[in-house]
Amino acid sequence: MLQTRVLLTRLMSMLVTLFGVAVIVFFVIRVVPGNPIAMMLPPGAGEEDIARLKALYGFDKSIPEQFFIWVGGVVQGDFGTSITTRQPVLDLVLGRLPATLELSIMALVIAVVMGGFLALTGTRKRGTKVEAAIDVSNGMALSVPDFLWGLLFILLFGVLWPIFHISGRVSPALDLPFSTNFYLFESVLRLRFDIWLDLVAHMFMPALALAIPLAAIIAQLLKQSLKETMHQDYVTLSRTHGYGENHVITRDALPNAILPTLTLVGVQFTFLIGGTVIIERLFSYEGLGNMAIDAVINRDLPLIQGIVILFAVIFTLVNLLVDLTYAALNPRLRHG
C-alpha cells in the first residue's frame, strides 16, 4: 500500500496542475481576438447596454481581478454563467459529461477487446504470415486518424449500407424515462433494451472510430510484452509439464505481461476523452466535445473555461488512479 506521504505528494501535484491549467486557459483565451460582449448585443445597442453586460460578466474589471474572482467561484462550485445560453456553466457541463463518458468507455472496451485479440492471435501465430498481417494492420490503424475512420464509417455504414445511425445520441421519437443523463447505463438498469439498442446504434460508429488507433497501440504493446514473457523460465517449465500453447499464453504469460498494458490503457483513456471533440462534431453527438467547439465558435469564455477545467480534473484523477493501481499490482512499488 502506498505511504500516506507519497499519496499526499501526488494530490498536491494534482492541485498544482489544475491551478496551472486554470491560469493558462484563463489568460490565453483572453488574448484571442474577438469580443464576446459584442456578439450578445442587438443592433443599435447603446453604451449603457454594453456597460451593463460587462458588469454582469465581470469584464469591467482588470484581467487579474477577473481571474481571482473566477477561481474563488470555482472553489465554491460556481463556474460562472454561459454567455450564449445564460445558464450556469456547471449545469451545462455536467449535463453533457455523461454522454462523453459513455462514448469513451464504449470506445475503450472495443479497443481492449480488439487489441487483446490481435495480441493473443499474433503471439499464437508468431513467426507466421498471420503475425506479419497483424503488424501491418496495426501500422495502418495508427497511420489513419480517428476522424478519417469516422468519415469512412459514415460513408460505408451510413450511406452505402445504412445499418447504423450517423448523427445524434438517441432517436428523437423515443420516450426517455431516465432520471440521469447516463442513458446507456440507466437503460440497462431499467431493462429498456429497446432504448439501449438504439443508443448503441448511434454510438457504435463514433466509438469504433475512436477505438481503432488505441486498439493498435494495445495490440503492439501487449504482443511485445507477451513475446518477452514467453522466454521466461516459468513458461518453459509449464511447457515441460505438457500444457498446450493456449494454456501457456493465457494462464502463464498473459498475467505477467499485462501490467504495462493496463497502465497504458489508463493513460490512453484520458487522451480518448479529449479525442472525442472532433468525433462528436463529426457525428453530431450531443457530448461535451461538441459543446466545446460551439463554445469556441461563440467565444463563450465562461463555458470554455468550465469545459477545460473539467477535462483537466478528469485527466488528473484518471492518472492518479492509474498510479495507485500500478503501485497496488506491482509489489516493488507498494512501499515506494
C-alpha atoms as a PDB file:
ATOM      1  CA  MET A   1       0.000   0.000   0.000  1.00  0.00           C
ATOM      2  CA  LEU A   2       1.264   3.475  -0.828  1.00  0.00           C
ATOM      3  CA  GLN A   3       2.616   5.514   2.004  1.00  0.00           C
ATOM      4  CA  THR A   4       0.478   8.454   3.039  1.00  0.00           C
ATOM      5  CA  ARG A   5       3.308  10.860   2.245  1.00  0.00           C
ATOM      6  CA  VAL A   6       3.507   9.698  -1.355  1.00  0.00           C
ATOM      7  CA  LEU A   7      -0.258   9.932  -1.785  1.00  0.00           C
ATOM      8  CA  LEU A   8      -0.326  13.462  -0.360  1.00  0.00           C
ATOM      9  CA  THR A   9       2.516  14.450  -2.687  1.00  0.00           C
ATOM     10  CA  ARG A  10       0.566  13.247  -5.701  1.00  0.00           C
ATOM     11  CA  LEU A  11      -2.568  15.048  -4.539  1.00  0.00           C
ATOM     12  CA  MET A  12      -0.587  18.270  -4.162  1.00  0.00           C
ATOM     13  CA  SER A  13       0.821  17.719  -7.639  1.00  0.00           C
ATOM     14  CA  MET A  14      -2.754  17.409  -8.918  1.00  0.00           C
ATOM     15  CA  LEU A  15      -3.745  20.714  -7.332  1.00  0.00           C
ATOM     16  CA  VAL A  16      -0.700  22.472  -8.794  1.00  0.00           C
ATOM     17  CA  THR A  17      -1.502  21.013 -12.216  1.00  0.00           C
ATOM     18  CA  LEU A  18      -5.122  22.153 -12.055  1.00  0.00           C
ATOM     19  CA  PHE A  19      -4.089  25.640 -10.965  1.00  0.00           C
ATOM     20  CA  GLY A  20      -1.604  25.825 -13.837  1.00  0.00           C
ATOM     21  CA  VAL A  21      -4.287  24.758 -16.311  1.00  0.00           C
ATOM     22  CA  ALA A  22      -6.649  27.375 -14.878  1.00  0.00           C
ATOM     23  CA  VAL A  23      -4.035  30.122 -15.318  1.00  0.00           C
ATOM     24  CA  ILE A  24      -3.212  29.103 -18.880  1.00  0.00           C
ATOM     25  CA  VAL A  25      -6.765  28.719 -20.138  1.00  0.00           C
ATOM     26  CA  PHE A  26      -7.966  31.913 -18.455  1.00  0.00           C
ATOM     27  CA  PHE A  27      -5.277  34.188 -19.809  1.00  0.00           C
ATOM     28  CA  VAL A  28      -4.827  32.572 -23.221  1.00  0.00           C
ATOM     29  CA  ILE A  29      -8.480  32.801 -24.277  1.00  0.00           C
ATOM     30  CA  ARG A  30      -8.484  36.476 -23.322  1.00  0.00           C
ATOM     31  CA  VAL A  31      -5.735  37.365 -25.769  1.00  0.00           C
ATOM     32  CA  VAL A  32      -7.593  35.714 -28.659  1.00  0.00           C
ATOM     33  CA  PRO A  33      -9.208  38.336 -30.943  1.00  0.00           C
ATOM     34  CA  GLY A  34     -12.934  38.787 -30.588  1.00  0.00           C
ATOM     35  CA  ASN A  35     -15.390  40.449 -28.251  1.00  0.00           C
ATOM     36  CA  PRO A  36     -17.918  38.094 -26.649  1.00  0.00           C
ATOM     37  CA  ILE A  37     -19.983  41.023 -25.391  1.00  0.00           C
ATOM     38  CA  ALA A  38     -20.374  42.411 -28.901  1.00  0.00           C
ATOM     39  CA  MET A  39     -21.779  39.044 -30.042  1.00  0.00           C
ATOM     40  CA  MET A  40     -24.544  39.283 -27.435  1.00  0.00           C
ATOM     41  CA  LEU A  41     -25.695  42.803 -28.223  1.00  0.00           C
ATOM     42  CA  PRO A  42     -28.535  43.517 -30.653  1.00  0.00           C
ATOM     43  CA  PRO A  43     -28.028  46.065 -33.443  1.00  0.00           C
ATOM     44  CA  GLY A  44     -28.143  49.641 -32.183  1.00  0.00           C
ATOM     45  CA  ALA A  45     -27.238  48.801 -28.583  1.00  0.00           C
ATOM     46  CA  GLY A  46     -26.043  51.784 -26.588  1.00  0.00           C
ATOM     47  CA  GLU A  47     -23.121  52.329 -24.236  1.00  0.00           C
ATOM     48  CA  GLU A  48     -25.331  51.640 -21.217  1.00  0.00           C
ATOM     49  CA  ASP A  49     -26.203  48.190 -22.560  1.00  0.00           C
ATOM     50  CA  ILE A  50     -22.528  47.434 -23.166  1.00  0.00           C
ATOM     51  CA  ALA A  51     -21.552  48.595 -19.680  1.00  0.00           C
ATOM     52  CA  ARG A  52     -24.370  46.563 -18.098  1.00  0.00           C
ATOM     53  CA  LEU A  53     -23.285  43.344 -19.796  1.00  0.00           C
ATOM     54  CA  LYS A  54     -19.628  43.950 -18.978  1.00  0.00           C
ATOM     55  CA  ALA A  55     -20.515  44.402 -15.318  1.00  0.00           C
ATOM     56  CA  LEU A  56     -22.756  41.309 -15.378  1.00  0.00           C
ATOM     57  CA  TYR A  57     -19.943  39.051 -16.607  1.00  0.00           C
ATOM     58  CA  GLY A  58     -17.156  40.858 -14.763  1.00  0.00           C
ATOM     59  CA  PHE A  59     -15.440  42.183 -17.897  1.00  0.00           C
ATOM     60  CA  ASP A  60     -15.369  45.690 -16.429  1.00  0.00           C
ATOM     61  CA  LYS A  61     -12.566  44.621 -14.058  1.00  0.00           C
ATOM     62  CA  SER A  62      -8.910  44.021 -14.792  1.00  0.00           C
ATOM     63  CA  ILE A  63      -7.885  40.561 -16.038  1.00  0.00           C
ATOM     64  CA  PRO A  64      -6.074  39.632 -12.776  1.00  0.00           C
ATOM     65  CA  GLU A  65      -9.175  40.639 -10.796  1.00  0.00           C
ATOM     66  CA  GLN A  66     -11.368  38.587 -13.117  1.00  0.00           C
ATOM     67  CA  PHE A  67      -9.072  35.587 -12.650  1.00  0.00           C
ATOM     68  CA  PHE A  68      -9.160  35.580  -8.852  1.00  0.00           C
ATOM     69  CA  ILE A  69     -12.919  36.183  -8.797  1.00  0.00           C
ATOM     70  CA  TRP A  70     -13.372  33.236 -11.165  1.00  0.00           C
ATOM     71  CA  VAL A  71     -11.047  30.949  -9.164  1.00  0.00           C
ATOM     72  CA  GLY A  72     -12.855  31.882  -5.968  1.00  0.00           C
ATOM     73  CA  GLY A  73     -16.151  30.935  -7.595  1.00  0.00           C
ATOM     74  CA  VAL A  74     -14.775  27.637  -8.926  1.00  0.00           C
ATOM     75  CA  VAL A  75     -13.601  26.650  -5.454  1.00  0.00           C
ATOM     76  CA  GLN A  76     -17.191  27.176  -4.260  1.00  0.00           C
ATOM     77  CA  GLY A  77     -18.644  25.266  -7.231  1.00  0.00           C
ATOM     78  CA  ASP A  78     -19.644  28.349  -9.221  1.00  0.00           C
ATOM     79  CA  PHE A  79     -18.108  28.245 -12.715  1.00  0.00           C
ATOM     80  CA  GLY A  80     -19.986  31.302 -13.900  1.00  0.00           C
ATOM     81  CA  THR A  81     -22.797  31.764 -16.404  1.00  0.00           C
ATOM     82  CA  SER A  82     -22.664  30.869 -20.083  1.00  0.00           C
ATOM     83  CA  ILE A  83     -22.689  33.909 -22.337  1.00  0.00           C
ATOM     84  CA  THR A  84     -24.672  32.221 -25.121  1.00  0.00           C
ATOM     85  CA  THR A  85     -27.264  30.239 -23.137  1.00  0.00           C
ATOM     86  CA  ARG A  86     -27.375  32.358 -19.928  1.00  0.00           C
ATOM     87  CA  GLN A  87     -27.330  29.113 -17.882  1.00  0.00           C
ATOM     88  CA  PRO A  88     -24.884  28.052 -15.142  1.00  0.00           C
ATOM     89  CA  VAL A  89     -21.744  26.613 -16.720  1.00  0.00           C
ATOM     90  CA  LEU A  90     -21.510  23.753 -14.232  1.00  0.00           C
ATOM     91  CA  ASP A  91     -25.048  22.574 -15.067  1.00  0.00           C
ATOM     92  CA  LEU A  92     -24.303  22.669 -18.798  1.00  0.00           C
ATOM     93  CA  VAL A  93     -21.013  20.815 -18.466  1.00  0.00           C
ATOM     94  CA  LEU A  94     -22.315  18.130 -16.117  1.00  0.00           C
ATOM     95  CA  GLY A  95     -25.344  17.682 -18.369  1.00  0.00           C
ATOM     96  CA  ARG A  96     -23.146  16.765 -21.353  1.00  0.00           C
ATOM     97  CA  LEU A  97     -20.420  14.876 -19.469  1.00  0.00           C
ATOM     98  CA  PRO A  98     -22.321  11.532 -19.182  1.00  0.00           C
ATOM     99  CA  ALA A  99     -22.670  11.302 -22.976  1.00  0.00           C
ATOM    100  CA  THR A 100     -18.938  11.777 -23.482  1.00  0.00           C
ATOM    101  CA  LEU A 101     -18.043   9.333 -20.711  1.00  0.00           C
ATOM    102  CA  GLU A 102     -20.327   6.646 -22.153  1.00  0.00           C
ATOM    103  CA  LEU A 103     -18.855   7.125 -25.620  1.00  0.00           C
ATOM    104  CA  SER A 104     -15.303   6.983 -24.241  1.00  0.00           C
ATOM    105  CA  ILE A 105     -15.993   3.870 -22.152  1.00  0.00           C
ATOM    106  CA  MET A 106     -17.542   2.077 -25.131  1.00  0.00           C
ATOM    107  CA  ALA A 107     -14.542   3.019 -27.270  1.00  0.00           C
ATOM    108  CA  LEU A 108     -12.194   1.779 -24.536  1.00  0.00           C
ATOM    109  CA  VAL A 109     -13.997  -1.567 -24.283  1.00  0.00           C
ATOM    110  CA  ILE A 110     -13.872  -2.034 -28.062  1.00  0.00           C
ATOM    111  CA  ALA A 111     -10.173  -1.100 -28.130  1.00  0.00           C
ATOM    112  CA  VAL A 112      -9.272  -3.525 -25.324  1.00  0.00           C
ATOM    113  CA  VAL A 113     -11.182  -6.398 -26.939  1.00  0.00           C
ATOM    114  CA  MET A 114      -9.725  -5.733 -30.394  1.00  0.00           C
ATOM    115  CA  GLY A 115      -6.204  -5.079 -29.153  1.00  0.00           C
ATOM    116  CA  GLY A 116      -6.196  -8.078 -26.829  1.00  0.00           C
ATOM    117  CA  PHE A 117      -7.479 -10.387 -29.563  1.00  0.00           C
ATOM    118  CA  LEU A 118      -4.843  -9.198 -32.051  1.00  0.00           C
ATOM    119  CA  ALA A 119      -2.048  -9.505 -29.472  1.00  0.00           C
ATOM    120  CA  LEU A 120      -3.032 -13.030 -28.437  1.00  0.00           C
ATOM    121  CA  THR A 121      -3.501 -14.128 -32.046  1.00  0.00           C
ATOM    122  CA  GLY A 122      -0.171 -12.643 -33.058  1.00  0.00           C
ATOM    123  CA  THR A 123       1.526 -14.400 -30.160  1.00  0.00           C
ATOM    124  CA  ARG A 124      -0.022 -17.761 -31.027  1.00  0.00           C
ATOM    125  CA  LYS A 125       0.921 -17.324 -34.704  1.00  0.00           C
ATOM    126  CA  ARG A 126       4.319 -15.730 -34.087  1.00  0.00           C
ATOM    127  CA  GLY A 127       6.746 -16.106 -36.959  1.00  0.00           C
ATOM    128  CA  THR A 128       3.943 -16.710 -39.483  1.00  0.00           C
ATOM    129  CA  LYS A 129       2.177 -14.620 -42.116  1.00  0.00           C
ATOM    130  CA  VAL A 130      -0.656 -14.057 -39.657  1.00  0.00           C
ATOM    131  CA  GLU A 131       1.632 -12.151 -37.284  1.00  0.00           C
ATOM    132  CA  ALA A 132       3.006 -10.142 -40.212  1.00  0.00           C
ATOM    133  CA  ALA A 133      -0.543  -9.267 -41.310  1.00  0.00           C
ATOM    134  CA  ILE A 134      -1.414  -8.158 -37.779  1.00  0.00           C
ATOM    135  CA  ASP A 135       1.673  -5.936 -37.645  1.00  0.00           C
ATOM    136  CA  VAL A 136       0.723  -4.365 -40.982  1.00  0.00           C
ATOM    137  CA  SER A 137      -2.871  -3.794 -39.861  1.00  0.00           C
ATOM    138  CA  ASN A 138      -1.641  -2.175 -36.636  1.00  0.00           C
ATOM    139  CA  GLY A 139       0.553   0.168 -38.656  1.00  0.00           C
ATOM    140  CA  MET A 140      -2.377   1.118 -40.882  1.00  0.00           C
ATOM    141  CA  ALA A 141      -4.635   1.693 -37.882  1.00  0.00           C
ATOM    142  CA  LEU A 142      -2.081   4.040 -36.329  1.00  0.00           C
ATOM    143  CA  SER A 143      -1.471   5.898 -39.598  1.00  0.00           C
ATOM    144  CA  VAL A 144      -5.110   6.901 -40.086  1.00  0.00           C
ATOM    145  CA  PRO A 145      -6.506   9.467 -37.583  1.00  0.00           C
ATOM    146  CA  ASP A 146      -9.766   8.724 -35.835  1.00  0.00           C
ATOM    147  CA  PHE A 147     -11.793  11.357 -37.708  1.00  0.00           C
ATOM    148  CA  LEU A 148     -10.868   9.766 -41.053  1.00  0.00           C
ATOM    149  CA  TRP A 149     -12.050   6.416 -39.721  1.00  0.00           C
ATOM    150  CA  GLY A 150     -15.255   8.217 -38.769  1.00  0.00           C
ATOM    151  CA  LEU A 151     -15.725   9.624 -42.276  1.00  0.00           C
ATOM    152  CA  LEU A 152     -15.112   6.178 -43.752  1.00  0.00           C
ATOM    153  CA  PHE A 153     -17.693   4.583 -41.444  1.00  0.00           C
ATOM    154  CA  ILE A 154     -20.264   7.262 -42.296  1.00  0.00           C
ATOM    155  CA  LEU A 155     -19.754   6.541 -45.993  1.00  0.00           C
ATOM    156  CA  LEU A 156     -19.850   2.749 -45.623  1.00  0.00           C
ATOM    157  CA  PHE A 157     -22.395   2.136 -42.858  1.00  0.00           C
ATOM    158  CA  GLY A 158     -24.407   5.330 -43.012  1.00  0.00           C
ATOM    159  CA  VAL A 159     -24.727   5.950 -46.754  1.00  0.00           C
ATOM    160  CA  LEU A 160     -23.782   2.918 -48.864  1.00  0.00           C
ATOM    161  CA  TRP A 161     -25.009   0.339 -46.333  1.00  0.00           C
ATOM    162  CA  PRO A 162     -27.159   2.248 -43.811  1.00  0.00           C
ATOM    163  CA  ILE A 163     -27.220  -0.061 -40.794  1.00  0.00           C
ATOM    164  CA  PHE A 164     -26.116   2.462 -38.131  1.00  0.00           C
ATOM    165  CA  HIS A 165     -27.227   5.991 -37.267  1.00  0.00           C
ATOM    166  CA  ILE A 166     -24.803   8.674 -38.427  1.00  0.00           C
ATOM    167  CA  SER A 167     -25.842  11.538 -36.150  1.00  0.00           C
ATOM    168  CA  GLY A 168     -27.211  12.249 -32.707  1.00  0.00           C
ATOM    169  CA  ARG A 169     -27.150  10.264 -29.485  1.00  0.00           C
ATOM    170  CA  VAL A 170     -30.638   8.742 -29.479  1.00  0.00           C
ATOM    171  CA  SER A 171     -33.659   8.757 -31.780  1.00  0.00           C
ATOM    172  CA  PRO A 172     -35.902  11.774 -31.032  1.00  0.00           C
ATOM    173  CA  ALA A 173     -39.064   9.647 -31.252  1.00  0.00           C
ATOM    174  CA  LEU A 174     -38.096   7.577 -28.216  1.00  0.00           C
ATOM    175  CA  ASP A 175     -39.532   8.440 -24.817  1.00  0.00           C
ATOM    176  CA  LEU A 176     -36.659   8.546 -22.325  1.00  0.00           C
ATOM    177  CA  PRO A 177     -37.826   7.706 -18.782  1.00  0.00           C
ATOM    178  CA  PHE A 178     -34.440   8.478 -17.253  1.00  0.00           C
ATOM    179  CA  SER A 179     -33.564  10.400 -14.117  1.00  0.00           C
ATOM    180  CA  THR A 180     -29.911  10.914 -15.126  1.00  0.00           C
ATOM    181  CA  ASN A 181     -28.050  11.628 -18.358  1.00  0.00           C
ATOM    182  CA  PHE A 182     -26.258   8.261 -18.235  1.00  0.00           C
ATOM    183  CA  TYR A 183     -28.709   6.867 -20.759  1.00  0.00           C
ATOM    184  CA  LEU A 184     -26.730   3.767 -21.723  1.00  0.00           C
ATOM    185  CA  PHE A 185     -26.278   2.540 -18.150  1.00  0.00           C
ATOM    186  CA  GLU A 186     -29.714   3.532 -16.920  1.00  0.00           C
ATOM    187  CA  SER A 187     -31.437   1.828 -19.856  1.00  0.00           C
ATOM    188  CA  VAL A 188     -29.891  -1.456 -18.682  1.00  0.00           C
ATOM    189  CA  LEU A 189     -30.940  -0.862 -15.060  1.00  0.00           C
ATOM    190  CA  ARG A 190     -34.496  -0.131 -16.178  1.00  0.00           C
ATOM    191  CA  LEU A 191     -34.481  -3.116 -18.586  1.00  0.00           C
ATOM    192  CA  ARG A 192     -35.275  -0.808 -21.506  1.00  0.00           C
ATOM    193  CA  PHE A 193     -33.243  -2.763 -24.038  1.00  0.00           C
ATOM    194  CA  ASP A 194     -35.072  -1.110 -26.949  1.00  0.00           C
ATOM    195  CA  ILE A 195     -33.546   2.214 -25.901  1.00  0.00           C
ATOM    196  CA  TRP A 196     -30.202   0.524 -25.181  1.00  0.00           C
ATOM    197  CA  LEU A 197     -30.042  -0.896 -28.718  1.00  0.00           C
ATOM    198  CA  ASP A 198     -30.921   2.498 -30.186  1.00  0.00           C
ATOM    199  CA  LEU A 199     -28.188   4.169 -28.123  1.00  0.00           C
ATOM    200  CA  VAL A 200     -25.626   1.568 -29.206  1.00  0.00           C
ATOM    201  CA  ALA A 201     -26.656   2.004 -32.843  1.00  0.00           C
ATOM    202  CA  HIS A 202     -25.909   5.733 -32.500  1.00  0.00           C
ATOM    203  CA  MET A 203     -22.674   5.269 -30.532  1.00  0.00           C
ATOM    204  CA  PHE A 204     -21.083   2.329 -32.315  1.00  0.00           C
ATOM    205  CA  MET A 205     -19.501   4.128 -35.273  1.00  0.00           C
ATOM    206  CA  PRO A 206     -18.012   7.068 -33.328  1.00  0.00           C
ATOM    207  CA  ALA A 207     -16.810   4.653 -30.621  1.00  0.00           C
ATOM    208  CA  LEU A 208     -15.217   2.370 -33.218  1.00  0.00           C
ATOM    209  CA  ALA A 209     -13.509   5.323 -34.894  1.00  0.00           C
ATOM    210  CA  LEU A 210     -12.002   6.307 -31.530  1.00  0.00           C
ATOM    211  CA  ALA A 211     -11.120   2.720 -30.640  1.00  0.00           C
ATOM    212  CA  ILE A 212      -9.157   1.637 -33.726  1.00  0.00           C
ATOM    213  CA  PRO A 213      -5.947   3.661 -33.115  1.00  0.00           C
ATOM    214  CA  LEU A 214      -5.973   2.735 -29.419  1.00  0.00           C
ATOM    215  CA  ALA A 215      -6.546  -0.935 -30.248  1.00  0.00           C
ATOM    216  CA  ALA A 216      -3.440  -0.890 -32.435  1.00  0.00           C
ATOM    217  CA  ILE A 217      -1.356   0.579 -29.602  1.00  0.00           C
ATOM    218  CA  ILE A 218      -2.670  -2.014 -27.137  1.00  0.00           C
ATOM    219  CA  ALA A 219      -2.016  -4.844 -29.595  1.00  0.00           C
ATOM    220  CA  GLN A 220       1.566  -3.744 -30.240  1.00  0.00           C
ATOM    221  CA  LEU A 221       2.485  -3.291 -26.574  1.00  0.00           C
ATOM    222  CA  LEU A 222       0.773  -6.440 -25.310  1.00  0.00           C
ATOM    223  CA  LYS A 223       2.214  -8.592 -28.100  1.00  0.00           C
ATOM    224  CA  GLN A 224       5.710  -7.299 -27.371  1.00  0.00           C
ATOM    225  CA  SER A 225       5.255  -7.959 -23.634  1.00  0.00           C
ATOM    226  CA  LEU A 226       3.986 -11.459 -24.347  1.00  0.00           C
ATOM    227  CA  LYS A 227       6.916 -12.146 -26.648  1.00  0.00           C
ATOM    228  CA  GLU A 228       9.351 -11.226 -23.869  1.00  0.00           C
ATOM    229  CA  THR A 229       7.435 -13.205 -21.258  1.00  0.00           C
ATOM    230  CA  MET A 230       7.324 -16.338 -23.418  1.00  0.00           C
ATOM    231  CA  HIS A 231      11.078 -16.751 -22.918  1.00  0.00           C
ATOM    232  CA  GLN A 232      10.870 -16.779 -19.109  1.00  0.00           C
ATOM    233  CA  ASP A 233      11.784 -19.917 -17.172  1.00  0.00           C
ATOM    234  CA  TYR A 234       8.320 -20.464 -15.662  1.00  0.00           C
ATOM    235  CA  VAL A 235       6.820 -20.520 -19.166  1.00  0.00           C
ATOM    236  CA  THR A 236       9.360 -23.128 -20.279  1.00  0.00           C
ATOM    237  CA  LEU A 237       8.582 -25.143 -17.131  1.00  0.00           C
ATOM    238  CA  SER A 238       4.873 -25.019 -17.946  1.00  0.00           C
ATOM    239  CA  ARG A 239       5.571 -26.439 -21.394  1.00  0.00           C
ATOM    240  CA  THR A 240       7.592 -29.302 -19.903  1.00  0.00           C
ATOM    241  CA  HIS A 241       4.531 -30.230 -17.834  1.00  0.00           C
ATOM    242  CA  GLY A 242       2.671 -30.871 -21.063  1.00  0.00           C
ATOM    243  CA  TYR A 243       0.406 -27.819 -21.195  1.00  0.00           C
ATOM    244  CA  GLY A 244      -0.719 -26.624 -24.625  1.00  0.00           C
ATOM    245  CA  GLU A 245       0.210 -23.301 -26.221  1.00  0.00           C
ATOM    246  CA  ASN A 246      -3.132 -21.663 -25.436  1.00  0.00           C
ATOM    247  CA  HIS A 247      -2.810 -22.560 -21.741  1.00  0.00           C
ATOM    248  CA  VAL A 248       0.784 -21.316 -21.612  1.00  0.00           C
ATOM    249  CA  ILE A 249      -0.115 -17.980 -23.205  1.00  0.00           C
ATOM    250  CA  THR A 250      -3.338 -17.206 -21.342  1.00  0.00           C
ATOM    251  CA  ARG A 251      -2.590 -18.754 -17.916  1.00  0.00           C
ATOM    252  CA  ASP A 252       1.172 -18.233 -17.537  1.00  0.00           C
ATOM    253  CA  ALA A 253       2.412 -15.497 -19.867  1.00  0.00           C
ATOM    254  CA  LEU A 254      -0.580 -13.132 -20.007  1.00  0.00           C
ATOM    255  CA  PRO A 255      -0.965 -12.343 -16.275  1.00  0.00           C
ATOM    256  CA  ASN A 256       2.697 -11.292 -16.112  1.00  0.00           C
ATOM    257  CA  ALA A 257       2.709  -9.407 -19.419  1.00  0.00           C
ATOM    258  CA  ILE A 258      -0.476  -7.429 -18.936  1.00  0.00           C
ATOM    259  CA  LEU A 259       0.682  -4.891 -16.302  1.00  0.00           C
ATOM    260  CA  PRO A 260       2.359  -2.436 -18.735  1.00  0.00           C
ATOM    261  CA  THR A 261      -0.718  -2.660 -20.964  1.00  0.00           C
ATOM    262  CA  LEU A 262      -3.078  -1.866 -18.081  1.00  0.00           C
ATOM    263  CA  THR A 263      -1.022   1.223 -17.321  1.00  0.00           C
ATOM    264  CA  LEU A 264      -1.140   2.263 -20.966  1.00  0.00           C
ATOM    265  CA  VAL A 265      -4.899   1.770 -21.122  1.00  0.00           C
ATOM    266  CA  GLY A 266      -5.407   4.035 -18.122  1.00  0.00           C
ATOM    267  CA  VAL A 267      -3.221   6.782 -19.547  1.00  0.00           C
ATOM    268  CA  GLN A 268      -4.716   6.493 -23.031  1.00  0.00           C
ATOM    269  CA  PHE A 269      -8.235   6.728 -21.613  1.00  0.00           C
ATOM    270  CA  THR A 270      -7.588  10.366 -20.739  1.00  0.00           C
ATOM    271  CA  PHE A 271      -6.494  11.081 -24.317  1.00  0.00           C
ATOM    272  CA  LEU A 272      -9.536   9.158 -25.542  1.00  0.00           C
ATOM    273  CA  ILE A 273     -11.854  11.523 -23.676  1.00  0.00           C
ATOM    274  CA  GLY A 274     -10.066  14.535 -25.145  1.00  0.00           C
ATOM    275  CA  GLY A 275     -10.141  12.972 -28.598  1.00  0.00           C
ATOM    276  CA  THR A 276     -13.937  12.852 -28.638  1.00  0.00           C
ATOM    277  CA  VAL A 277     -14.099  16.546 -29.584  1.00  0.00           C
ATOM    278  CA  ILE A 278     -13.746  16.085 -33.356  1.00  0.00           C
ATOM    279  CA  ILE A 279     -15.591  12.761 -33.446  1.00  0.00           C
ATOM    280  CA  GLU A 280     -18.574  14.196 -31.570  1.00  0.00           C
ATOM    281  CA  ARG A 281     -18.740  17.068 -34.019  1.00  0.00           C
ATOM    282  CA  LEU A 282     -18.471  14.730 -36.987  1.00  0.00           C
ATOM    283  CA  PHE A 283     -21.362  12.563 -35.790  1.00  0.00           C
ATOM    284  CA  SER A 284     -23.385  15.443 -34.254  1.00  0.00           C
ATOM    285  CA  TYR A 285     -23.119  13.577 -30.961  1.00  0.00           C
ATOM    286  CA  GLU A 286     -24.511  15.541 -28.025  1.00  0.00           C
ATOM    287  CA  GLY A 287     -21.478  15.352 -25.775  1.00  0.00           C
ATOM    288  CA  LEU A 288     -19.003  17.636 -24.091  1.00  0.00           C
ATOM    289  CA  GLY A 289     -16.666  17.784 -27.092  1.00  0.00           C
ATOM    290  CA  ASN A 290     -19.383  19.084 -29.378  1.00  0.00           C
ATOM    291  CA  MET A 291     -20.288  21.691 -26.786  1.00  0.00           C
ATOM    292  CA  ALA A 292     -16.629  22.727 -26.563  1.00  0.00           C
ATOM    293  CA  ILE A 293     -16.495  23.500 -30.285  1.00  0.00           C
ATOM    294  CA  ASP A 294     -19.690  25.564 -30.061  1.00  0.00           C
ATOM    295  CA  ALA A 295     -18.254  27.451 -27.083  1.00  0.00           C
ATOM    296  CA  VAL A 296     -15.083  28.293 -29.009  1.00  0.00           C
ATOM    297  CA  ILE A 297     -17.040  29.407 -32.087  1.00  0.00           C
ATOM    298  CA  ASN A 298     -19.266  31.641 -29.949  1.00  0.00           C
ATOM    299  CA  ARG A 299     -16.303  32.722 -27.796  1.00  0.00           C
ATOM    300  CA  ASP A 300     -18.249  31.781 -24.688  1.00  0.00           C
ATOM    301  CA  LEU A 301     -15.379  32.359 -22.253  1.00  0.00           C
ATOM    302  CA  PRO A 302     -17.021  31.043 -19.046  1.00  0.00           C
ATOM    303  CA  LEU A 303     -18.140  27.867 -20.822  1.00  0.00           C
ATOM    304  CA  ILE A 304     -14.715  27.291 -22.411  1.00  0.00           C
ATOM    305  CA  GLN A 305     -13.078  27.689 -19.018  1.00  0.00           C
ATOM    306  CA  GLY A 306     -15.508  25.286 -17.378  1.00  0.00           C
ATOM    307  CA  ILE A 307     -15.040  22.595 -20.042  1.00  0.00           C
ATOM    308  CA  VAL A 308     -11.243  22.804 -19.957  1.00  0.00           C
ATOM    309  CA  ILE A 309     -11.136  22.650 -16.160  1.00  0.00           C
ATOM    310  CA  LEU A 310     -13.441  19.630 -16.141  1.00  0.00           C
ATOM    311  CA  PHE A 311     -11.253  17.857 -18.710  1.00  0.00           C
ATOM    312  CA  ALA A 312      -8.203  18.658 -16.582  1.00  0.00           C
ATOM    313  CA  VAL A 313      -9.877  17.262 -13.449  1.00  0.00           C
ATOM    314  CA  ILE A 314     -10.748  14.043 -15.284  1.00  0.00           C
ATOM    315  CA  PHE A 315      -7.214  13.701 -16.646  1.00  0.00           C
ATOM    316  CA  THR A 316      -5.563  14.178 -13.269  1.00  0.00           C
ATOM    317  CA  LEU A 317      -7.975  11.840 -11.471  1.00  0.00           C
ATOM    318  CA  VAL A 318      -7.515   9.083 -14.045  1.00  0.00           C
ATOM    319  CA  ASN A 319      -3.738   9.464 -13.927  1.00  0.00           C
ATOM    320  CA  LEU A 320      -3.819   9.272 -10.132  1.00  0.00           C
ATOM    321  CA  LEU A 321      -5.971   6.144 -10.313  1.00  0.00           C
ATOM    322  CA  VAL A 322      -3.517   4.607 -12.801  1.00  0.00           C
ATOM    323  CA  ASP A 323      -0.591   5.346 -10.473  1.00  0.00           C
ATOM    324  CA  LEU A 324      -2.395   3.822  -7.493  1.00  0.00           C
ATOM    325  CA  THR A 325      -3.458   0.751  -9.479  1.00  0.00           C
ATOM    326  CA  TYR A 326       0.043   0.220 -10.848  1.00  0.00           C
ATOM    327  CA  ALA A 327       1.538   0.520  -7.377  1.00  0.00           C
ATOM    328  CA  ALA A 328      -1.038  -1.920  -5.975  1.00  0.00           C
ATOM    329  CA  LEU A 329      -0.343  -4.501  -8.700  1.00  0.00           C
ATOM    330  CA  ASN A 330       3.427  -4.104  -8.628  1.00  0.00           C
ATOM    331  CA  PRO A 331       4.844  -5.427  -5.315  1.00  0.00           C
ATOM    332  CA  ARG A 332       8.072  -3.496  -5.759  1.00  0.00           C
ATOM    333  CA  LEU A 333       6.197  -0.190  -5.630  1.00  0.00           C
ATOM    334  CA  ARG A 334       3.733  -0.876  -2.853  1.00  0.00           C
ATOM    335  CA  HIS A 335       6.004   0.702  -0.279  1.00  0.00           C
ATOM    336  CA  GLY A 336       7.581   3.267  -2.641  1.00  0.00           C
END
